[in-house]
């Protein structure tokens, strides 16, 4: 691929991201480009200046110019996998004779519910709420899981997330640990109802419950980080692969920290992995005690794409420092 072809390709993705998200960023553009063109990774690594130039050009386009660019010109709709999952899950669950009368609600929440997802990276999050008076709970759960297994192919398994609750579970979400916290419930409150009613709108959530949920998510991500480090020592992983693996944990910690910091407003953040939006820039901005870690966060997103940005050789050491400061700032207990 020559330079003009690379520029045209990157410009295409940069415009697409800007149309979808309002601003094209390095990590979001690279994610789309490398997902669609796996062989492009090595070329991109040696052409970062070109990539950044084309992204800057896309961000400088006038709104009138953008409005003339059709979806067809950008290669069509890439969200069909999400739509397929949404339609099949809802259809299969609501036409099942045993399930349809026992399901109180089916809700999708998160970035896909707001159509702010990053194709191939963002999850499509379902929460299915069973009625409190259900008589055959175990059978219903088994049926839902069975239907999900029939629908989910290896190609879409990594973006599919489904949680099953009962109405009675809502006042005691603490028992689910990091799997479904009050932060998840907050997003579900703002989710898209696909069947039934939004039972989460009546759920009272306190600021302290959100902070505790953030602590739970941070502790879980730190545990994952530690497990990766332990496995890396045993398997003698090369630095590049280690950074790729821990990058995901660092991003999860940063997201939970953002929820901890902004509380109820976190549902407005629209934080879409692997992009970094204005809201997280504020959490890690100049006036924040975490401002010095913003570059590390950008590097973490890049590592998740298999790309090493310049000056990222100290990523591991900085991430350790970041975790220590997050633990102190959020007052995590030592046993967590």
Protein backbone atom coordinates (compact mmCIF):
# COMPACT_ATOMS: atom_id res chain seq x y z
CA UNK A 1 0.00 0.00 0.00
CA UNK A 2 1.48 3.35 -1.03
CA UNK A 3 1.14 6.60 0.90
CA UNK A 4 -1.82 7.95 -1.08
CA UNK A 5 -3.78 4.72 -0.55
CA UNK A 6 -3.02 4.75 3.18
CA UNK A 7 -4.10 8.39 3.47
CA UNK A 8 -7.36 7.70 1.62
CA UNK A 9 -8.10 4.70 3.81
CA UNK A 10 -7.40 6.50 7.10
CA UNK A 11 -9.36 9.55 5.95
CA UNK A 12 -12.34 7.29 5.23
CA UNK A 13 -12.31 5.83 8.74
CA UNK A 14 -11.62 9.21 10.36
CA UNK A 15 -14.68 10.73 8.68
CA UNK A 16 -16.79 7.75 9.68
CA UNK A 17 -15.75 8.07 13.34
CA UNK A 18 -16.36 11.80 13.34
CA UNK A 19 -19.85 11.30 11.91
CA UNK A 20 -20.66 8.69 14.55
CA UNK A 21 -19.00 10.23 17.60
CA UNK A 22 -18.51 13.92 16.89
CA UNK A 23 -14.72 13.74 16.88
CA UNK A 24 -12.21 11.37 15.32
CA UNK A 25 -9.53 10.24 17.75
CA UNK A 26 -6.41 8.21 17.15
CA UNK A 27 -7.51 5.09 19.00
CA UNK A 28 -11.05 4.95 17.58
CA UNK A 29 -9.86 5.38 14.00
CA UNK A 30 -7.10 2.81 14.37
CA UNK A 31 -9.53 0.34 15.92
CA UNK A 32 -11.80 0.44 12.87
CA UNK A 33 -8.94 0.42 10.39
CA UNK A 34 -7.12 -2.51 11.96
CA UNK A 35 -10.30 -4.51 12.63
CA UNK A 36 -11.24 -4.30 8.96
CA UNK A 37 -7.65 -4.61 7.70
CA UNK A 38 -5.59 -6.80 10.07
CA UNK A 39 -2.57 -6.66 7.76
CA UNK A 40 -2.50 -2.89 8.18
CA UNK A 41 -1.10 -2.98 11.71
CA UNK A 42 2.60 -2.94 10.81
CA UNK A 43 2.11 -0.26 8.16
CA UNK A 44 0.31 1.96 10.66
CA UNK A 45 3.03 1.53 13.27
CA UNK A 46 5.53 3.06 10.87
CA UNK A 47 3.16 5.74 9.57
CA UNK A 48 1.74 7.39 12.69
CA UNK A 49 2.47 10.89 11.40
CA UNK A 50 0.35 10.26 8.31
CA UNK A 51 -2.46 8.77 10.37
CA UNK A 52 -2.54 11.78 12.72
CA UNK A 53 -2.52 14.20 9.77
CA UNK A 54 -5.56 12.54 8.17
CA UNK A 55 -7.43 12.46 11.47
CA UNK A 56 -6.75 16.17 11.94
CA UNK A 57 -8.05 16.87 8.42
CA UNK A 58 -11.25 14.95 9.14
CA UNK A 59 -11.82 16.89 12.36
CA UNK A 60 -11.41 20.20 10.51
CA UNK A 61 -14.10 19.42 7.93
CA UNK A 62 -17.10 21.76 8.05
CA UNK A 63 -20.46 20.34 9.11
CA UNK A 64 -21.82 21.09 5.62
CA UNK A 65 -19.05 18.97 4.07
CA UNK A 66 -19.78 16.15 6.50
CA UNK A 67 -23.51 16.21 5.79
CA UNK A 68 -22.81 15.52 2.12
CA UNK A 69 -20.97 12.31 2.92
CA UNK A 70 -23.43 9.43 2.86
CA UNK A 71 -23.24 6.21 4.79
CA UNK A 72 -22.95 4.36 1.49
CA UNK A 73 -19.80 6.29 0.56
CA UNK A 74 -18.26 5.24 3.85
CA UNK A 75 -18.80 1.56 3.22
CA UNK A 76 -22.29 0.98 4.57
CA UNK A 77 -23.66 0.10 7.99
CA UNK A 78 -21.29 -1.95 10.13
CA UNK A 79 -23.74 -2.40 13.01
CA UNK A 80 -25.63 -5.34 11.54
CA UNK A 81 -24.18 -7.79 14.07
CA UNK A 82 -25.56 -5.67 16.92
CA UNK A 83 -28.95 -5.33 15.28
CA UNK A 84 -29.03 -9.06 14.62
CA UNK A 85 -28.31 -9.83 18.26
CA UNK A 86 -30.86 -7.31 19.47
CA UNK A 87 -33.62 -8.59 17.20
CA UNK A 88 -32.95 -12.27 17.76
CA UNK A 89 -32.67 -12.07 21.54
CA UNK A 90 -35.85 -10.04 21.92
CA UNK A 91 -37.79 -12.10 19.40
CA UNK A 92 -36.74 -15.49 20.74
CA UNK A 93 -37.41 -14.59 24.38
CA UNK A 94 -40.75 -12.91 23.83
CA UNK A 95 -42.18 -15.62 21.58
CA UNK A 96 -41.24 -18.44 23.92
CA UNK A 97 -44.49 -19.66 25.49
CA UNK A 98 -42.96 -20.29 28.89
CA UNK A 99 -40.87 -17.13 29.05
CA UNK A 100 -43.09 -14.40 27.65
CA UNK A 101 -45.44 -14.40 30.64
CA UNK A 102 -42.61 -14.56 33.15
CA UNK A 103 -40.44 -11.75 31.81
CA UNK A 104 -41.08 -8.36 33.35
CA UNK A 105 -38.61 -6.48 31.18
CA UNK A 106 -35.91 -6.77 28.54
CA UNK A 107 -33.66 -3.73 28.46
CA UNK A 108 -30.52 -2.90 26.52
CA UNK A 109 -28.21 -0.36 28.11
CA UNK A 110 -24.81 1.21 27.63
CA UNK A 111 -23.23 2.65 24.50
CA UNK A 112 -25.18 0.53 22.02
CA UNK A 113 -28.52 1.56 23.54
CA UNK A 114 -27.52 5.15 22.77
CA UNK A 115 -26.06 4.12 19.39
CA UNK A 116 -22.67 5.46 20.48
CA UNK A 117 -20.96 2.08 20.34
CA UNK A 118 -17.65 1.27 18.68
CA UNK A 119 -18.27 -1.58 16.27
CA UNK A 120 -16.48 -4.76 17.28
CA UNK A 121 -15.33 -3.33 20.62
CA UNK A 122 -18.38 -2.13 22.55
CA UNK A 123 -20.68 -4.70 24.12
CA UNK A 124 -24.39 -4.97 23.56
CA UNK A 125 -25.66 -5.21 27.13
CA UNK A 126 -28.96 -6.95 27.87
CA UNK A 127 -30.66 -7.23 31.25
CA UNK A 128 -33.63 -9.56 31.49
CA UNK A 129 -35.81 -9.10 34.59
CA UNK A 130 -38.06 -11.98 35.63
CA UNK A 131 -41.28 -11.42 37.53
CA UNK A 132 -41.10 -11.75 41.29
CA UNK A 133 -43.97 -14.25 41.32
CA UNK A 134 -42.37 -16.62 38.82
CA UNK A 135 -42.93 -20.26 39.77
CA UNK A 136 -40.33 -21.88 37.54
CA UNK A 137 -37.33 -19.61 37.98
CA UNK A 138 -34.63 -22.21 37.37
CA UNK A 139 -36.35 -23.46 34.22
CA UNK A 140 -36.74 -19.91 32.94
CA UNK A 141 -33.08 -19.08 33.51
CA UNK A 142 -32.04 -22.32 31.83
CA UNK A 143 -34.26 -21.52 28.82
CA UNK A 144 -32.87 -17.99 28.50
CA UNK A 145 -29.30 -19.25 28.63
CA UNK A 146 -30.09 -21.98 26.13
CA UNK A 147 -31.59 -19.50 23.69
CA UNK A 148 -28.57 -17.22 24.10
CA UNK A 149 -26.21 -20.10 23.36
CA UNK A 150 -28.12 -20.86 20.16
CA UNK A 151 -27.90 -17.25 19.00
CA UNK A 152 -24.32 -16.44 19.95
CA UNK A 153 -21.69 -17.41 17.40
CA UNK A 154 -17.93 -17.26 18.06
CA UNK A 155 -17.79 -14.13 15.89
CA UNK A 156 -20.09 -12.12 18.17
CA UNK A 157 -19.49 -13.77 21.55
CA UNK A 158 -17.00 -11.06 22.57
CA UNK A 159 -19.59 -8.27 22.26
CA UNK A 160 -22.54 -10.05 23.90
CA UNK A 161 -23.43 -9.49 27.54
CA UNK A 162 -26.61 -10.72 29.22
CA UNK A 163 -27.69 -10.47 32.84
CA UNK A 164 -30.73 -12.22 34.32
CA UNK A 165 -32.37 -10.74 37.44
CA UNK A 166 -35.61 -11.09 39.35
CA UNK A 167 -37.63 -8.09 40.44
CA UNK A 168 -36.82 -9.09 44.01
CA UNK A 169 -33.09 -8.71 43.27
CA UNK A 170 -33.23 -4.99 42.59
CA UNK A 171 -33.07 -3.81 46.22
CA UNK A 172 -30.09 -6.08 46.90
CA UNK A 173 -27.77 -5.68 43.92
CA UNK A 174 -24.76 -5.82 46.24
CA UNK A 175 -24.94 -9.62 46.17
CA UNK A 176 -23.93 -9.68 42.49
CA UNK A 177 -20.53 -8.09 43.12
CA UNK A 178 -18.94 -6.65 39.98
CA UNK A 179 -21.26 -8.58 37.64
CA UNK A 180 -24.17 -6.15 38.05
CA UNK A 181 -23.69 -3.14 40.30
CA UNK A 182 -25.69 0.00 40.99
CA UNK A 183 -23.67 1.61 38.20
CA UNK A 184 -25.08 -0.98 35.80
CA UNK A 185 -28.54 -0.27 37.23
CA UNK A 186 -28.04 3.46 36.68
CA UNK A 187 -27.28 2.83 33.02
CA UNK A 188 -30.27 0.46 32.81
CA UNK A 189 -32.48 3.28 34.14
CA UNK A 190 -31.43 5.24 31.08
CA UNK A 191 -31.60 2.18 28.81
CA UNK A 192 -33.86 1.22 25.93
CA UNK A 193 -36.83 -0.96 26.85
CA UNK A 194 -37.34 -3.72 24.31
CA UNK A 195 -40.11 -5.53 26.18
CA UNK A 196 -42.23 -4.82 29.23
CA UNK A 197 -41.42 -1.83 31.40
CA UNK A 198 -38.31 -0.22 32.81
CA UNK A 199 -38.38 -1.55 36.37
CA UNK A 200 -35.17 0.32 37.17
CA UNK A 201 -36.84 3.73 37.06
CA UNK A 202 -38.39 3.02 40.46
CA UNK A 203 -35.11 1.89 41.98
CA UNK A 204 -33.68 4.42 44.41
CA UNK A 205 -29.91 4.64 44.09
CA UNK A 206 -27.77 6.68 46.45
CA UNK A 207 -24.52 8.49 45.76
CA UNK A 208 -22.76 6.20 48.24
CA UNK A 209 -24.06 3.10 46.47
CA UNK A 210 -22.57 4.41 43.23
CA UNK A 211 -19.26 5.09 44.91
CA UNK A 212 -19.24 1.63 46.47
CA UNK A 213 -20.08 0.11 43.09
CA UNK A 214 -17.16 1.99 41.58
CA UNK A 215 -14.90 0.63 44.31
CA UNK A 216 -16.10 -2.90 43.53
CA UNK A 217 -15.36 -2.45 39.83
CA UNK A 218 -11.95 -0.96 40.57
CA UNK A 219 -11.08 -3.82 42.92
CA UNK A 220 -12.17 -6.35 40.30
CA UNK A 221 -10.09 -4.69 37.59
CA UNK A 222 -7.05 -4.53 39.91
CA UNK A 223 -7.46 -8.25 40.66
CA UNK A 224 -7.51 -8.90 36.90
CA UNK A 225 -4.40 -6.75 36.52
CA UNK A 226 -2.60 -8.76 39.22
CA UNK A 227 -3.62 -12.07 37.65
CA UNK A 228 -2.22 -10.97 34.30
CA UNK A 229 1.08 -9.96 35.90
CA UNK A 230 1.35 -13.31 37.71
CA UNK A 231 0.60 -15.24 34.53
CA UNK A 232 3.07 -13.12 32.58
CA UNK A 233 5.86 -14.00 35.01
CA UNK A 234 5.08 -17.70 34.73
CA UNK A 235 4.82 -17.69 30.95
CA UNK A 236 7.58 -15.12 30.39
CA UNK A 237 5.42 -12.97 28.11
CA UNK A 238 7.17 -10.36 25.97
CA UNK A 239 6.59 -6.75 27.03
CA UNK A 240 4.36 -5.93 24.07
CA UNK A 241 1.91 -8.70 24.90
CA UNK A 242 1.92 -7.87 28.60
CA UNK A 243 1.11 -4.23 27.88
CA UNK A 244 -1.69 -5.29 25.56
CA UNK A 245 -3.24 -7.44 28.30
CA UNK A 246 -2.95 -4.96 31.15
CA UNK A 247 -4.16 -2.12 28.95
CA UNK A 248 -7.71 -3.43 29.24
CA UNK A 249 -7.52 -3.50 33.04
CA UNK A 250 -6.14 0.04 33.13
CA UNK A 251 -9.05 1.26 30.99
CA UNK A 252 -11.56 -0.52 33.24
CA UNK A 253 -10.03 1.12 36.31
CA UNK A 254 -10.14 4.53 34.63
CA UNK A 255 -13.80 4.06 33.72
CA UNK A 256 -14.76 3.01 37.26
CA UNK A 257 -12.78 5.94 38.66
CA UNK A 258 -14.76 8.27 36.39
CA UNK A 259 -18.02 6.80 37.71
CA UNK A 260 -16.73 7.23 41.27
CA UNK A 261 -15.91 10.86 40.59
CA UNK A 262 -19.06 12.05 38.80
CA UNK A 263 -21.69 9.83 40.45
CA UNK A 264 -25.14 10.21 38.91
CA UNK A 265 -23.74 12.15 35.98
CA UNK A 266 -21.75 9.09 34.93
CA UNK A 267 -24.71 7.90 32.90
CA UNK A 268 -24.23 10.98 30.72
CA UNK A 269 -20.57 10.23 30.07
CA UNK A 270 -21.18 7.97 27.07
CA UNK A 271 -17.73 6.55 27.57
CA UNK A 272 -17.20 4.33 24.56
CA UNK A 273 -14.24 1.99 24.56
CA UNK A 274 -11.69 2.40 23.18
CA UNK A 275 -12.36 6.09 22.57
CA UNK A 276 -11.60 8.87 25.06
CA UNK A 277 -14.38 11.43 25.22
CA UNK A 278 -14.57 14.91 26.69
CA UNK A 279 -15.95 13.62 29.98
CA UNK A 280 -12.93 11.48 30.73
CA UNK A 281 -10.68 14.33 29.68
CA UNK A 282 -12.30 16.30 32.48
CA UNK A 283 -11.68 13.50 34.98
CA UNK A 284 -8.06 13.37 33.86
CA UNK A 285 -7.80 17.07 32.95
CA UNK A 286 -5.37 19.72 34.13
CA UNK A 287 -7.21 20.42 37.39
CA UNK A 288 -7.55 16.75 38.29
CA UNK A 289 -5.15 14.90 40.61
CA UNK A 290 -4.99 12.28 37.82
CA UNK A 291 -3.98 14.65 35.02
CA UNK A 292 -0.50 13.13 34.83
CA UNK A 293 -2.06 9.78 33.86
CA UNK A 294 -3.95 11.00 30.78
CA UNK A 295 -1.09 10.06 28.46
CA UNK A 296 -0.93 6.63 30.09
CA UNK A 297 -4.63 6.17 29.37
CA UNK A 298 -4.13 7.04 25.72
CA UNK A 299 -1.32 4.51 25.61
CA UNK A 300 -3.57 1.87 27.19
CA UNK A 301 -6.15 2.34 24.45
CA UNK A 302 -3.43 2.06 21.81
CA UNK A 303 -1.99 -1.10 23.38
CA UNK A 304 -5.44 -2.67 23.22
CA UNK A 305 -5.21 -2.21 19.46
CA UNK A 306 -1.75 -3.73 19.35
CA UNK A 307 -0.12 -0.36 18.70
CA UNK A 308 2.71 1.10 20.72
CA UNK A 309 2.69 4.87 20.85
CA UNK A 310 5.89 6.88 21.20
CA UNK A 311 7.32 7.32 24.72
CA UNK A 312 5.32 4.41 26.15
CA UNK A 313 8.25 2.35 27.41
CA UNK A 314 7.38 3.23 31.02
CA UNK A 315 3.71 2.28 30.63
CA UNK A 316 3.88 -0.57 33.13
CA UNK A 317 5.56 1.48 35.87
CA UNK A 318 3.16 4.39 35.39
CA UNK A 319 0.15 2.06 35.49
CA UNK A 320 1.34 0.69 38.85
CA UNK A 321 1.62 4.23 40.18
CA UNK A 322 -1.85 4.99 38.78
CA UNK A 323 -3.38 2.01 40.57
CA UNK A 324 -1.77 2.97 43.87
CA UNK A 325 -3.15 6.49 43.65
CA UNK A 326 -6.62 5.24 42.65
CA UNK A 327 -6.68 2.89 45.66
CA UNK A 328 -5.75 5.73 47.99
CA UNK A 329 -8.13 8.22 46.37
CA UNK A 330 -11.16 5.91 46.44
CA UNK A 331 -10.28 4.62 49.94
CA UNK A 332 -10.33 1.00 48.87
CA UNK A 333 -9.84 -1.42 51.73
CA UNK A 334 -6.59 -3.31 51.73
CA UNK A 335 -8.39 -6.66 51.56
CA UNK A 336 -10.10 -5.60 48.33
